Structure formats: structure tokens, C-alpha cells
PDB file of N, CA and C in Angstrom:
ATOM      1  N   MET A   1     -22.894   4.072   2.737  1.00  0.00           N
ATOM      2  CA  MET A   1     -23.383   2.782   2.279  1.00  0.00           C
ATOM      3  C   MET A   1     -23.471   2.749   0.760  1.00  0.00           C
ATOM      4  N   ASP A   2     -23.608   3.934   0.167  1.00  0.00           N
ATOM      5  CA  ASP A   2     -23.639   4.015  -1.283  1.00  0.00           C
ATOM      6  C   ASP A   2     -22.328   3.493  -1.866  1.00  0.00           C
ATOM      7  N   LEU A   3     -21.217   3.826  -1.215  1.00  0.00           N
ATOM      8  CA  LEU A   3     -19.908   3.362  -1.661  1.00  0.00           C
ATOM      9  C   LEU A   3     -19.839   1.840  -1.638  1.00  0.00           C
ATOM     10  N   ALA A   4     -20.356   1.222  -0.608  1.00  0.00           N
ATOM     11  CA  ALA A   4     -20.323  -0.240  -0.496  1.00  0.00           C
ATOM     12  C   ALA A   4     -21.131  -0.888  -1.616  1.00  0.00           C
ATOM     13  N   ALA A   5     -22.314  -0.361  -1.903  1.00  0.00           N
ATOM     14  CA  ALA A   5     -23.145  -0.919  -2.978  1.00  0.00           C
ATOM     15  C   ALA A   5     -22.455  -0.770  -4.327  1.00  0.00           C
ATOM     16  N   LYS A   6     -21.866   0.401  -4.568  1.00  0.00           N
ATOM     17  CA  LYS A   6     -21.142   0.619  -5.821  1.00  0.00           C
ATOM     18  C   LYS A   6     -19.909  -0.278  -5.897  1.00  0.00           C
ATOM     19  N   GLY A   7     -19.239  -0.454  -4.766  1.00  0.00           N
ATOM     20  CA  GLY A   7     -18.065  -1.323  -4.732  1.00  0.00           C
ATOM     21  C   GLY A   7     -18.410  -2.761  -5.050  1.00  0.00           C
ATOM     22  N   LEU A   8     -19.488  -3.245  -4.481  1.00  0.00           N
ATOM     23  CA  LEU A   8     -19.940  -4.610  -4.750  1.00  0.00           C
ATOM     24  C   LEU A   8     -20.213  -4.784  -6.242  1.00  0.00           C
ATOM     25  N   GLN A   9     -20.916  -3.837  -6.843  1.00  0.00           N
ATOM     26  CA  GLN A   9     -21.202  -3.897  -8.281  1.00  0.00           C
ATOM     27  C   GLN A   9     -19.925  -3.808  -9.104  1.00  0.00           C
ATOM     28  N   SER A  10     -19.018  -2.945  -8.702  1.00  0.00           N
ATOM     29  CA  SER A  10     -17.762  -2.784  -9.426  1.00  0.00           C
ATOM     30  C   SER A  10     -16.945  -4.072  -9.415  1.00  0.00           C
ATOM     31  N   PHE A  11     -16.841  -4.709  -8.253  1.00  0.00           N
ATOM     32  CA  PHE A  11     -16.082  -5.957  -8.167  1.00  0.00           C
ATOM     33  C   PHE A  11     -16.766  -7.075  -8.949  1.00  0.00           C
ATOM     34  N   GLU A  12     -18.093  -7.123  -8.928  1.00  0.00           N
ATOM     35  CA  GLU A  12     -18.807  -8.126  -9.726  1.00  0.00           C
ATOM     36  C   GLU A  12     -18.456  -7.967 -11.204  1.00  0.00           C
ATOM     37  N   GLY A  13     -18.416  -6.731 -11.673  1.00  0.00           N
ATOM     38  CA  GLY A  13     -18.069  -6.477 -13.069  1.00  0.00           C
ATOM     39  C   GLY A  13     -16.612  -6.775 -13.366  1.00  0.00           C
ATOM     40  N   SER A  14     -15.725  -6.355 -12.485  1.00  0.00           N
ATOM     41  CA  SER A  14     -14.291  -6.579 -12.702  1.00  0.00           C
ATOM     42  C   SER A  14     -13.943  -8.061 -12.712  1.00  0.00           C
ATOM     43  N   PHE A  15     -14.544  -8.827 -11.808  1.00  0.00           N
ATOM     44  CA  PHE A  15     -14.226 -10.249 -11.694  1.00  0.00           C
ATOM     45  C   PHE A  15     -15.085 -11.117 -12.605  1.00  0.00           C
ATOM     46  N   GLU A  16     -16.128 -10.492 -13.203  1.00  0.00           N
ATOM     47  CA  GLU A  16     -17.090 -11.233 -14.027  1.00  0.00           C
ATOM     48  C   GLU A  16     -17.657 -12.422 -13.259  1.00  0.00           C
ATOM     49  N   LEU A  17     -17.913 -12.177 -11.982  1.00  0.00           N
ATOM     50  CA  LEU A  17     -18.444 -13.201 -11.092  1.00  0.00           C
ATOM     51  C   LEU A  17     -19.361 -12.522 -10.082  1.00  0.00           C
ATOM     52  N   PRO A  18     -20.661 -12.821 -10.133  1.00  0.00           N
ATOM     53  CA  PRO A  18     -21.578 -12.154  -9.207  1.00  0.00           C
ATOM     54  C   PRO A  18     -21.308 -12.524  -7.755  1.00  0.00           C
ATOM     55  N   TYR A  19     -21.602 -11.579  -6.887  1.00  0.00           N
ATOM     56  CA  TYR A  19     -21.528 -11.845  -5.454  1.00  0.00           C
ATOM     57  C   TYR A  19     -22.550 -12.941  -5.159  1.00  0.00           C
ATOM     58  N   PRO A  20     -22.138 -14.060  -4.569  1.00  0.00           N
ATOM     59  CA  PRO A  20     -23.021 -15.231  -4.494  1.00  0.00           C
ATOM     60  C   PRO A  20     -24.043 -15.248  -3.357  1.00  0.00           C
ATOM     61  N   LEU A  21     -23.962 -14.315  -2.438  1.00  0.00           N
ATOM     62  CA  LEU A  21     -24.890 -14.326  -1.308  1.00  0.00           C
ATOM     63  C   LEU A  21     -26.023 -13.328  -1.530  1.00  0.00           C
ATOM     64  N   PRO A  22     -27.158 -13.510  -0.856  1.00  0.00           N
ATOM     65  CA  PRO A  22     -28.286 -12.602  -1.060  1.00  0.00           C
ATOM     66  C   PRO A  22     -28.080 -11.211  -0.461  1.00  0.00           C
ATOM     67  N   LYS A  23     -27.144 -11.068   0.475  1.00  0.00           N
ATOM     68  CA  LYS A  23     -26.886  -9.754   1.070  1.00  0.00           C
ATOM     69  C   LYS A  23     -25.481  -9.723   1.651  1.00  0.00           C
ATOM     70  N   LEU A  24     -25.033  -8.518   1.942  1.00  0.00           N
ATOM     71  CA  LEU A  24     -23.752  -8.299   2.606  1.00  0.00           C
ATOM     72  C   LEU A  24     -24.004  -7.302   3.725  1.00  0.00           C
ATOM     73  N   ASP A  25     -23.764  -7.715   4.950  1.00  0.00           N
ATOM     74  CA  ASP A  25     -23.967  -6.844   6.108  1.00  0.00           C
ATOM     75  C   ASP A  25     -22.666  -6.129   6.447  1.00  0.00           C
ATOM     76  N   LEU A  26     -22.762  -4.823   6.667  1.00  0.00           N
ATOM     77  CA  LEU A  26     -21.648  -4.015   7.149  1.00  0.00           C
ATOM     78  C   LEU A  26     -22.008  -3.589   8.557  1.00  0.00           C
ATOM     79  N   ILE A  27     -21.193  -3.998   9.520  1.00  0.00           N
ATOM     80  CA  ILE A  27     -21.517  -3.820  10.929  1.00  0.00           C
ATOM     81  C   ILE A  27     -20.475  -2.912  11.569  1.00  0.00           C
ATOM     82  N   GLY A  28     -20.922  -1.814  12.148  1.00  0.00           N
ATOM     83  CA  GLY A  28     -20.025  -0.907  12.846  1.00  0.00           C
ATOM     84  C   GLY A  28     -19.997  -1.220  14.331  1.00  0.00           C
ATOM     85  N   VAL A  29     -18.795  -1.375  14.873  1.00  0.00           N
ATOM     86  CA  VAL A  29     -18.607  -1.666  16.295  1.00  0.00           C
ATOM     87  C   VAL A  29     -17.648  -0.602  16.842  1.00  0.00           C
ATOM     88  N   PRO A  30     -18.055   0.134  17.880  1.00  0.00           N
ATOM     89  CA  PRO A  30     -17.226   1.240  18.366  1.00  0.00           C
ATOM     90  C   PRO A  30     -15.839   0.821  18.854  1.00  0.00           C
ATOM     91  N   GLU A  31     -15.755  -0.255  19.576  1.00  0.00           N
ATOM     92  CA  GLU A  31     -14.469  -0.636  20.157  1.00  0.00           C
ATOM     93  C   GLU A  31     -14.076  -2.021  19.682  1.00  0.00           C
ATOM     94  N   VAL A  32     -13.395  -2.044  18.550  1.00  0.00           N
ATOM     95  CA  VAL A  32     -12.882  -3.286  17.988  1.00  0.00           C
ATOM     96  C   VAL A  32     -11.435  -3.011  17.587  1.00  0.00           C
ATOM     97  N   SER A  33     -10.571  -4.003  17.718  1.00  0.00           N
ATOM     98  CA  SER A  33      -9.139  -3.760  17.554  1.00  0.00           C
ATOM     99  C   SER A  33      -8.717  -3.527  16.109  1.00  0.00           C
ATOM    100  N   MET A  34      -9.416  -4.109  15.144  1.00  0.00           N
ATOM    101  CA  MET A  34      -8.998  -3.963  13.757  1.00  0.00           C
ATOM    102  C   MET A  34      -9.861  -2.919  13.049  1.00  0.00           C
ATOM    103  N   GLY A  35      -9.352  -2.411  11.931  1.00  0.00           N
ATOM    104  CA  GLY A  35     -10.113  -1.436  11.160  1.00  0.00           C
ATOM    105  C   GLY A  35     -11.322  -2.053  10.502  1.00  0.00           C
ATOM    106  N   GLY A  36     -11.152  -3.276  10.012  1.00  0.00           N
ATOM    107  CA  GLY A  36     -12.230  -4.022   9.386  1.00  0.00           C
ATOM    108  C   GLY A  36     -11.873  -5.494   9.363  1.00  0.00           C
ATOM    109  N   MET A  37     -12.871  -6.337   9.467  1.00  0.00           N
ATOM    110  CA  MET A  37     -12.634  -7.787   9.423  1.00  0.00           C
ATOM    111  C   MET A  37     -13.724  -8.430   8.590  1.00  0.00           C
ATOM    112  N   GLU A  38     -13.298  -8.994   7.460  1.00  0.00           N
ATOM    113  CA  GLU A  38     -14.268  -9.612   6.568  1.00  0.00           C
ATOM    114  C   GLU A  38     -14.639 -11.005   7.053  1.00  0.00           C
ATOM    115  N   ASN A  39     -15.893 -11.282   6.992  1.00  0.00           N
ATOM    116  CA  ASN A  39     -16.438 -12.613   7.233  1.00  0.00           C
ATOM    117  C   ASN A  39     -17.378 -12.870   6.069  1.00  0.00           C
ATOM    118  N   TRP A  40     -17.624 -14.095   5.740  1.00  0.00           N
ATOM    119  CA  TRP A  40     -18.449 -14.444   4.598  1.00  0.00           C
ATOM    120  C   TRP A  40     -19.853 -13.865   4.784  1.00  0.00           C
ATOM    121  N   GLY A  41     -20.166 -12.805   4.046  1.00  0.00           N
ATOM    122  CA  GLY A  41     -21.485 -12.192   4.111  1.00  0.00           C
ATOM    123  C   GLY A  41     -21.651 -11.104   5.148  1.00  0.00           C
ATOM    124  N   ALA A  42     -20.628 -10.865   5.958  1.00  0.00           N
ATOM    125  CA  ALA A  42     -20.717  -9.822   6.983  1.00  0.00           C
ATOM    126  C   ALA A  42     -19.322  -9.264   7.247  1.00  0.00           C
ATOM    127  N   ILE A  43     -19.220  -7.956   7.245  1.00  0.00           N
ATOM    128  CA  ILE A  43     -17.944  -7.307   7.523  1.00  0.00           C
ATOM    129  C   ILE A  43     -18.117  -6.460   8.779  1.00  0.00           C
ATOM    130  N   ILE A  44     -17.198  -6.635   9.716  1.00  0.00           N
ATOM    131  CA  ILE A  44     -17.213  -5.870  10.961  1.00  0.00           C
ATOM    132  C   ILE A  44     -16.165  -4.763  10.831  1.00  0.00           C
ATOM    133  N   PHE A  45     -16.579  -3.537  11.087  1.00  0.00           N
ATOM    134  CA  PHE A  45     -15.694  -2.374  11.004  1.00  0.00           C
ATOM    135  C   PHE A  45     -15.645  -1.659  12.337  1.00  0.00           C
ATOM    136  N   ARG A  46     -14.493  -1.072  12.636  1.00  0.00           N
ATOM    137  CA  ARG A  46     -14.468  -0.066  13.686  1.00  0.00           C
ATOM    138  C   ARG A  46     -15.358   1.062  13.165  1.00  0.00           C
ATOM    139  N   THR A  47     -16.230   1.580  13.980  1.00  0.00           N
ATOM    140  CA  THR A  47     -17.218   2.572  13.540  1.00  0.00           C
ATOM    141  C   THR A  47     -16.561   3.740  12.808  1.00  0.00           C
ATOM    142  N   THR A  48     -15.395   4.161  13.263  1.00  0.00           N
ATOM    143  CA  THR A  48     -14.707   5.288  12.623  1.00  0.00           C
ATOM    144  C   THR A  48     -14.188   4.941  11.235  1.00  0.00           C
ATOM    145  N   ASN A  49     -14.194   3.659  10.862  1.00  0.00           N
ATOM    146  CA  ASN A  49     -13.788   3.239   9.522  1.00  0.00           C
ATOM    147  C   ASN A  49     -14.983   2.928   8.634  1.00  0.00           C
ATOM    148  N   LEU A  50     -16.183   3.218   9.126  1.00  0.00           N
ATOM    149  CA  LEU A  50     -17.385   2.920   8.351  1.00  0.00           C
ATOM    150  C   LEU A  50     -18.247   4.160   8.140  1.00  0.00           C
ATOM    151  N   LEU A  51     -18.332   4.998   9.151  1.00  0.00           N
ATOM    152  CA  LEU A  51     -19.245   6.141   9.095  1.00  0.00           C
ATOM    153  C   LEU A  51     -18.483   7.457   9.118  1.00  0.00           C
ATOM    154  N   LEU A  52     -18.979   8.427   8.345  1.00  0.00           N
ATOM    155  CA  LEU A  52     -18.382   9.759   8.372  1.00  0.00           C
ATOM    156  C   LEU A  52     -19.429  10.788   7.985  1.00  0.00           C
ATOM    157  N   ASP A  53     -19.135  12.019   8.305  1.00  0.00           N
ATOM    158  CA  ASP A  53     -19.948  13.142   7.857  1.00  0.00           C
ATOM    159  C   ASP A  53     -19.266  13.692   6.609  1.00  0.00           C
ATOM    160  N   PRO A  54     -19.857  13.497   5.418  1.00  0.00           N
ATOM    161  CA  PRO A  54     -19.176  13.905   4.188  1.00  0.00           C
ATOM    162  C   PRO A  54     -18.904  15.407   4.107  1.00  0.00           C
ATOM    163  N   GLU A  55     -19.664  16.200   4.827  1.00  0.00           N
ATOM    164  CA  GLU A  55     -19.470  17.653   4.804  1.00  0.00           C
ATOM    165  C   GLU A  55     -18.416  18.114   5.803  1.00  0.00           C
ATOM    166  N   ASP A  56     -18.066  17.260   6.750  1.00  0.00           N
ATOM    167  CA  ASP A  56     -17.196  17.690   7.839  1.00  0.00           C
ATOM    168  C   ASP A  56     -16.001  16.754   8.035  1.00  0.00           C
ATOM    169  N   SER A  57     -15.614  16.034   6.988  1.00  0.00           N
ATOM    170  CA  SER A  57     -14.494  15.099   7.114  1.00  0.00           C
ATOM    171  C   SER A  57     -13.371  15.512   6.176  1.00  0.00           C
ATOM    172  N   ALA A  58     -12.153  15.361   6.651  1.00  0.00           N
ATOM    173  CA  ALA A  58     -10.983  15.687   5.841  1.00  0.00           C
ATOM    174  C   ALA A  58     -10.846  14.696   4.690  1.00  0.00           C
ATOM    175  N   LEU A  59     -10.177  15.132   3.634  1.00  0.00           N
ATOM    176  CA  LEU A  59      -9.996  14.297   2.455  1.00  0.00           C
ATOM    177  C   LEU A  59      -9.288  12.989   2.788  1.00  0.00           C
ATOM    178  N   ASP A  60      -8.248  13.043   3.624  1.00  0.00           N
ATOM    179  CA  ASP A  60      -7.532  11.811   3.957  1.00  0.00           C
ATOM    180  C   ASP A  60      -8.415  10.850   4.751  1.00  0.00           C
ATOM    181  N   THR A  61      -9.352  11.364   5.544  1.00  0.00           N
ATOM    182  CA  THR A  61     -10.294  10.502   6.270  1.00  0.00           C
ATOM    183  C   THR A  61     -11.233   9.816   5.293  1.00  0.00           C
ATOM    184  N   LYS A  62     -11.746  10.556   4.324  1.00  0.00           N
ATOM    185  CA  LYS A  62     -12.624   9.970   3.307  1.00  0.00           C
ATOM    186  C   LYS A  62     -11.902   8.876   2.528  1.00  0.00           C
ATOM    187  N   GLN A  63     -10.651   9.129   2.174  1.00  0.00           N
ATOM    188  CA  GLN A  63      -9.879   8.138   1.424  1.00  0.00           C
ATOM    189  C   GLN A  63      -9.642   6.890   2.270  1.00  0.00           C
ATOM    190  N   ARG A  64      -9.261   7.065   3.525  1.00  0.00           N
ATOM    191  CA  ARG A  64      -9.006   5.918   4.407  1.00  0.00           C
ATOM    192  C   ARG A  64     -10.255   5.063   4.563  1.00  0.00           C
ATOM    193  N   ILE A  65     -11.395   5.696   4.773  1.00  0.00           N
ATOM    194  CA  ILE A  65     -12.638   4.946   4.951  1.00  0.00           C
ATOM    195  C   ILE A  65     -13.013   4.218   3.666  1.00  0.00           C
ATOM    196  N   ALA A  66     -12.905   4.899   2.522  1.00  0.00           N
ATOM    197  CA  ALA A  66     -13.222   4.254   1.241  1.00  0.00           C
ATOM    198  C   ALA A  66     -12.316   3.054   1.004  1.00  0.00           C
ATOM    199  N   GLU A  67     -11.019   3.208   1.246  1.00  0.00           N
ATOM    200  CA  GLU A  67     -10.083   2.098   1.044  1.00  0.00           C
ATOM    201  C   GLU A  67     -10.379   0.941   1.992  1.00  0.00           C
ATOM    202  N   THR A  68     -10.713   1.234   3.240  1.00  0.00           N
ATOM    203  CA  THR A  68     -11.012   0.169   4.203  1.00  0.00           C
ATOM    204  C   THR A  68     -12.254  -0.605   3.793  1.00  0.00           C
ATOM    205  N   ILE A  69     -13.318   0.105   3.439  1.00  0.00           N
ATOM    206  CA  ILE A  69     -14.561  -0.560   3.037  1.00  0.00           C
ATOM    207  C   ILE A  69     -14.333  -1.413   1.798  1.00  0.00           C
ATOM    208  N   LEU A  70     -13.683  -0.849   0.782  1.00  0.00           N
ATOM    209  CA  LEU A  70     -13.488  -1.588  -0.467  1.00  0.00           C
ATOM    210  C   LEU A  70     -12.482  -2.722  -0.306  1.00  0.00           C
ATOM    211  N   HIS A  71     -11.492  -2.544   0.542  1.00  0.00           N
ATOM    212  CA  HIS A  71     -10.540  -3.621   0.847  1.00  0.00           C
ATOM    213  C   HIS A  71     -11.292  -4.843   1.375  1.00  0.00           C
ATOM    214  N   ASP A  72     -12.153  -4.606   2.352  1.00  0.00           N
ATOM    215  CA  ASP A  72     -12.855  -5.735   2.963  1.00  0.00           C
ATOM    216  C   ASP A  72     -13.927  -6.315   2.050  1.00  0.00           C
ATOM    217  N   ILE A  73     -14.559  -5.503   1.227  1.00  0.00           N
ATOM    218  CA  ILE A  73     -15.514  -6.050   0.256  1.00  0.00           C
ATOM    219  C   ILE A  73     -14.795  -6.920  -0.768  1.00  0.00           C
ATOM    220  N   SER A  74     -13.598  -6.519  -1.190  1.00  0.00           N
ATOM    221  CA  SER A  74     -12.861  -7.335  -2.169  1.00  0.00           C
ATOM    222  C   SER A  74     -12.545  -8.723  -1.620  1.00  0.00           C
ATOM    223  N   HIS A  75     -12.454  -8.833  -0.298  1.00  0.00           N
ATOM    224  CA  HIS A  75     -12.200 -10.145   0.314  1.00  0.00           C
ATOM    225  C   HIS A  75     -13.357 -11.124   0.104  1.00  0.00           C
ATOM    226  N   MET A  76     -14.528 -10.639  -0.264  1.00  0.00           N
ATOM    227  CA  MET A  76     -15.635 -11.568  -0.547  1.00  0.00           C
ATOM    228  C   MET A  76     -15.260 -12.477  -1.714  1.00  0.00           C
ATOM    229  N   TRP A  77     -14.381 -11.998  -2.600  1.00  0.00           N
ATOM    230  CA  TRP A  77     -13.875 -12.818  -3.700  1.00  0.00           C
ATOM    231  C   TRP A  77     -12.505 -13.389  -3.343  1.00  0.00           C
ATOM    232  N   PHE A  78     -11.541 -12.507  -3.018  1.00  0.00           N
ATOM    233  CA  PHE A  78     -10.183 -12.959  -2.716  1.00  0.00           C
ATOM    234  C   PHE A  78     -10.006 -13.063  -1.210  1.00  0.00           C
ATOM    235  N   GLY A  79     -10.153 -14.234  -0.706  1.00  0.00           N
ATOM    236  CA  GLY A  79      -9.998 -14.471   0.727  1.00  0.00           C
ATOM    237  C   GLY A  79     -11.137 -15.290   1.282  1.00  0.00           C
ATOM    238  N   ASP A  80     -12.356 -15.088   0.763  1.00  0.00           N
ATOM    239  CA  ASP A  80     -13.502 -15.855   1.250  1.00  0.00           C
ATOM    240  C   ASP A  80     -13.974 -16.856   0.195  1.00  0.00           C
ATOM    241  N   LEU A  81     -14.292 -16.383  -1.006  1.00  0.00           N
ATOM    242  CA  LEU A  81     -14.717 -17.291  -2.074  1.00  0.00           C
ATOM    243  C   LEU A  81     -13.538 -18.135  -2.556  1.00  0.00           C
ATOM    244  N   VAL A  82     -12.413 -17.488  -2.749  1.00  0.00           N
ATOM    245  CA  VAL A  82     -11.164 -18.154  -3.134  1.00  0.00           C
ATOM    246  C   VAL A  82     -10.148 -17.800  -2.065  1.00  0.00           C
ATOM    247  N   THR A  83      -9.491 -18.796  -1.515  1.00  0.00           N
ATOM    248  CA  THR A  83      -8.543 -18.520  -0.442  1.00  0.00           C
ATOM    249  C   THR A  83      -7.294 -19.379  -0.600  1.00  0.00           C
ATOM    250  N   THR A  84      -6.276 -19.039   0.146  1.00  0.00           N
ATOM    251  CA  THR A  84      -5.046 -19.827   0.119  1.00  0.00           C
ATOM    252  C   THR A  84      -5.212 -21.060   0.998  1.00  0.00           C
ATOM    253  N   ARG A  85      -4.399 -22.032   0.739  1.00  0.00           N
ATOM    254  CA  ARG A  85      -4.493 -23.286   1.478  1.00  0.00           C
ATOM    255  C   ARG A  85      -3.961 -23.153   2.906  1.00  0.00           C
ATOM    256  N   TYR A  86      -2.899 -22.380   3.057  1.00  0.00           N
ATOM    257  CA  TYR A  86      -2.262 -22.241   4.367  1.00  0.00           C
ATOM    258  C   TYR A  86      -2.123 -20.762   4.731  1.00  0.00           C
ATOM    259  N   TRP A  87      -1.863 -20.494   6.002  1.00  0.00           N
ATOM    260  CA  TRP A  87      -1.725 -19.126   6.488  1.00  0.00           C
ATOM    261  C   TRP A  87      -0.518 -18.412   5.888  1.00  0.00           C
ATOM    262  N   ASP A  88       0.438 -19.141   5.345  1.00  0.00           N
ATOM    263  CA  ASP A  88       1.597 -18.474   4.763  1.00  0.00           C
ATOM    264  C   ASP A  88       1.229 -17.705   3.489  1.00  0.00           C
ATOM    265  N   GLY A  89       0.017 -17.873   2.990  1.00  0.00           N
ATOM    266  CA  GLY A  89      -0.460 -17.110   1.843  1.00  0.00           C
ATOM    267  C   GLY A  89      -1.221 -15.856   2.226  1.00  0.00           C
ATOM    268  N   LEU A  90      -1.228 -15.528   3.505  1.00  0.00           N
ATOM    269  CA  LEU A  90      -1.983 -14.374   3.995  1.00  0.00           C
ATOM    270  C   LEU A  90      -1.531 -13.070   3.337  1.00  0.00           C
ATOM    271  N   SER A  91      -0.230 -12.910   3.147  1.00  0.00           N
ATOM    272  CA  SER A  91       0.252 -11.661   2.543  1.00  0.00           C
ATOM    273  C   SER A  91      -0.231 -11.522   1.103  1.00  0.00           C
ATOM    274  N   LEU A  92      -0.388 -12.625   0.392  1.00  0.00           N
ATOM    275  CA  LEU A  92      -0.911 -12.585  -0.971  1.00  0.00           C
ATOM    276  C   LEU A  92      -2.366 -12.118  -0.966  1.00  0.00           C
ATOM    277  N   LYS A  93      -3.167 -12.687  -0.077  1.00  0.00           N
ATOM    278  CA  LYS A  93      -4.581 -12.317   0.050  1.00  0.00           C
ATOM    279  C   LYS A  93      -4.717 -10.844   0.417  1.00  0.00           C
ATOM    280  N   GLU A  94      -3.944 -10.384   1.383  1.00  0.00           N
ATOM    281  CA  GLU A  94      -4.011  -8.990   1.818  1.00  0.00           C
ATOM    282  C   GLU A  94      -3.458  -8.046   0.753  1.00  0.00           C
ATOM    283  N   GLY A  95      -2.418  -8.489   0.066  1.00  0.00           N
ATOM    284  CA  GLY A  95      -1.856  -7.672  -1.014  1.00  0.00           C
ATOM    285  C   GLY A  95      -2.857  -7.451  -2.136  1.00  0.00           C
ATOM    286  N   PHE A  96      -3.543  -8.515  -2.547  1.00  0.00           N
ATOM    287  CA  PHE A  96      -4.585  -8.382  -3.572  1.00  0.00           C
ATOM    288  C   PHE A  96      -5.683  -7.438  -3.106  1.00  0.00           C
ATOM    289  N   ALA A  97      -6.127  -7.593  -1.876  1.00  0.00           N
ATOM    290  CA  ALA A  97      -7.214  -6.757  -1.361  1.00  0.00           C
ATOM    291  C   ALA A  97      -6.800  -5.287  -1.316  1.00  0.00           C
ATOM    292  N   THR A  98      -5.568  -5.018  -0.933  1.00  0.00           N
ATOM    293  CA  THR A  98      -5.085  -3.637  -0.900  1.00  0.00           C
ATOM    294  C   THR A  98      -5.013  -3.054  -2.304  1.00  0.00           C
ATOM    295  N   LEU A  99      -4.445  -3.800  -3.235  1.00  0.00           N
ATOM    296  CA  LEU A  99      -4.366  -3.343  -4.620  1.00  0.00           C
ATOM    297  C   LEU A  99      -5.762  -3.101  -5.193  1.00  0.00           C
ATOM    298  N   LEU A 100      -6.673  -4.031  -4.961  1.00  0.00           N
ATOM    299  CA  LEU A 100      -8.036  -3.898  -5.474  1.00  0.00           C
ATOM    300  C   LEU A 100      -8.757  -2.708  -4.854  1.00  0.00           C
ATOM    301  N   SER A 101      -8.510  -2.436  -3.580  1.00  0.00           N
ATOM    302  CA  SER A 101      -9.165  -1.280  -2.951  1.00  0.00           C
ATOM    303  C   SER A 101      -8.643   0.020  -3.556  1.00  0.00           C
ATOM    304  N   TRP A 102      -7.343   0.108  -3.812  1.00  0.00           N
ATOM    305  CA  TRP A 102      -6.789   1.312  -4.439  1.00  0.00           C
ATOM    306  C   TRP A 102      -7.373   1.496  -5.837  1.00  0.00           C
ATOM    307  N   TYR A 103      -7.431   0.409  -6.594  1.00  0.00           N
ATOM    308  CA  TYR A 103      -7.982   0.458  -7.946  1.00  0.00           C
ATOM    309  C   TYR A 103      -9.447   0.896  -7.908  1.00  0.00           C
ATOM    310  N   ALA A 104     -10.220   0.315  -7.013  1.00  0.00           N
ATOM    311  CA  ALA A 104     -11.652   0.630  -6.937  1.00  0.00           C
ATOM    312  C   ALA A 104     -11.884   2.069  -6.497  1.00  0.00           C
ATOM    313  N   VAL A 105     -11.122   2.546  -5.518  1.00  0.00           N
ATOM    314  CA  VAL A 105     -11.268   3.942  -5.090  1.00  0.00           C
ATOM    315  C   VAL A 105     -10.965   4.863  -6.266  1.00  0.00           C
ATOM    316  N   ASP A 106      -9.895   4.591  -6.980  1.00  0.00           N
ATOM    317  CA  ASP A 106      -9.524   5.418  -8.124  1.00  0.00           C
ATOM    318  C   ASP A 106     -10.598   5.371  -9.208  1.00  0.00           C
ATOM    319  N   LYS A 107     -11.094   4.177  -9.512  1.00  0.00           N
ATOM    320  CA  LYS A 107     -12.095   3.995 -10.568  1.00  0.00           C
ATOM    321  C   LYS A 107     -13.443   4.606 -10.179  1.00  0.00           C
ATOM    322  N   MET A 108     -13.904   4.320  -8.984  1.00  0.00           N
ATOM    323  CA  MET A 108     -15.243   4.735  -8.571  1.00  0.00           C
ATOM    324  C   MET A 108     -15.327   6.218  -8.234  1.00  0.00           C
ATOM    325  N   LEU A 109     -14.277   6.770  -7.716  1.00  0.00           N
ATOM    326  CA  LEU A 109     -14.297   8.178  -7.323  1.00  0.00           C
ATOM    327  C   LEU A 109     -13.563   9.033  -8.353  1.00  0.00           C
ATOM    328  N   LEU A 110     -13.527   8.537  -9.583  1.00  0.00           N
ATOM    329  CA  LEU A 110     -12.999   9.264 -10.738  1.00  0.00           C
ATOM    330  C   LEU A 110     -11.564   9.742 -10.558  1.00  0.00           C
ATOM    331  N   GLY A 111     -10.790   8.987  -9.815  1.00  0.00           N
ATOM    332  CA  GLY A 111      -9.392   9.327  -9.630  1.00  0.00           C
ATOM    333  C   GLY A 111      -9.148  10.464  -8.661  1.00  0.00           C
ATOM    334  N   PHE A 112     -10.202  11.073  -8.167  1.00  0.00           N
ATOM    335  CA  PHE A 112     -10.048  12.260  -7.326  1.00  0.00           C
ATOM    336  C   PHE A 112      -9.262  11.976  -6.056  1.00  0.00           C
ATOM    337  N   LEU A 113      -9.684  10.982  -5.290  1.00  0.00           N
ATOM    338  CA  LEU A 113      -9.048  10.753  -3.993  1.00  0.00           C
ATOM    339  C   LEU A 113      -7.623  10.259  -4.121  1.00  0.00           C
ATOM    340  N   CYS A 114      -7.359   9.382  -5.077  1.00  0.00           N
ATOM    341  CA  CYS A 114      -6.017   8.808  -5.178  1.00  0.00           C
ATOM    342  C   CYS A 114      -5.001   9.813  -5.708  1.00  0.00           C
ATOM    343  N   ARG A 115      -5.455  10.867  -6.332  1.00  0.00           N
ATOM    344  CA  ARG A 115      -4.528  11.848  -6.878  1.00  0.00           C
ATOM    345  C   ARG A 115      -4.329  13.053  -5.954  1.00  0.00           C
ATOM    346  N   LYS A 116      -5.093  13.118  -4.909  1.00  0.00           N
ATOM    347  CA  LYS A 116      -4.935  14.206  -3.943  1.00  0.00           C
ATOM    348  C   LYS A 116      -4.075  13.705  -2.794  1.00  0.00           C
ATOM    349  N   HIS A 117      -3.219  14.560  -2.320  1.00  0.00           N
ATOM    350  CA  HIS A 117      -2.361  14.186  -1.199  1.00  0.00           C
ATOM    351  C   HIS A 117      -2.714  15.062  -0.010  1.00  0.00           C
ATOM    352  N   PRO A 118      -3.059  14.430   1.116  1.00  0.00           N
ATOM    353  CA  PRO A 118      -3.387  15.243   2.287  1.00  0.00           C
ATOM    354  C   PRO A 118      -2.191  16.079   2.720  1.00  0.00           C
ATOM    355  N   SER A 119      -2.460  17.270   3.155  1.00  0.00           N
ATOM    356  CA  SER A 119      -1.355  18.138   3.587  1.00  0.00           C
ATOM    357  C   SER A 119      -1.058  17.935   5.045  1.00  0.00           C
TER     358      SER A 119
END
């Protein structure tokens, strides 16, 4: 959850636009088809994409979870606050969120995760 709080602050600074809601709920659901689904003020995650044991998780698992959480948090700005007019802009919204999650993981975790390659 520390990552989510830092991510929210990081995106607020990067976008120079505060998160407009009083809270953001991160909800873990064991059996859900997608890795994460952003909704305005609440993000639903497959539990395996939200929770981990930091002492007992592989590096690639930590990176995947960090990218998933930050991807969906970035949607609070790109996709929820500002969105495309039609569904044909979905790839643009998802592309921005993916790029922003990679940038945030690299920035927040001091480049460590993005520069390591799982074996």
C-alpha cells in the first residue's frame, strides 16, 4: 500500500494536478478476470496483482505488481478524469497508462526494477 500512496503523490506532482477525490480504494478480489480495473475512486485488482510477501517474492513478481498498481492509479488522470470521446481511443488511454507506470516504477524505485531482467 506504500507503493500506491507514493504513486498517487508522484502522479500529482508529475501532472501538477491533485487527485480530486478524498480517497482511493484498492480492492483485492481473488477470482477476477482482469489484473486490475480502474474505476473512479476505486481500483479492483486480482489479489495476486495487489498483495505480495516482499521477502519471499521474485523480482519479476514485484515488478509486475508495481506496474499493475501504478498503471491503474495513472488512470485516475488519464482515463477517468480525462478520457477519450469514443472507444476507438482505448489504445491511447492504455498506452499512456502503460508508459506512465513504467516511468513511475523507474522513478519511485530508483531505477532498480526496470534495469533488472528476470532470469
